[in-house]
Amino acid sequence: MGTVGGLNLPLRSVERLTGALERASAMLERIEDAGGSTRIVTILKRVDRITKSVEQSTKQLDKLDADFVKRLNKALTVLVEMRDDTRAMRARLESLEGEVHSLQTAVTRVPLLRPSRRSRRAAQAAEEQAAP
């Protein structure tokens, strides 16, 4: 036990501990230079508040009934179906608009239903005066 090899291990431990203390003191000096320990304490308090808030939230989630997720899933499924129905209605409306446009074009090309040349010229002149 009194050999050099026996003293070598505790000596290395003391050296490692001394090195760790030196690094810690250097870190504390950098912290003090960066804004002081009050800033660190403020950050730690914020972290503590956030941790408590997360804990309360998880407690509230634990209190939810088991069917909540199923009901939420059903509601989201209904919303997806409504979105699909709305898309179909929009597509149908666009096709109806196309049909109406085609009918308007066909109706205005029929000579009997077409406005007279005089009224078309008057409308064209009114449009030209309105847009200077």
Foldseek 3Di string as FASTA:
>chain_A
DPDPVVVVVVVVVVVVVVVVVVVVVVVQVVCCVVPHVVVVVVVVVVVVVVVVVVVVVVVVVVPDDPCPVVVVVVVVVVVVVVVVVVVVVVVVVVVVVVVVVVVVVVQCPPVVNHDDPVVVVVVVVVVVVVPD
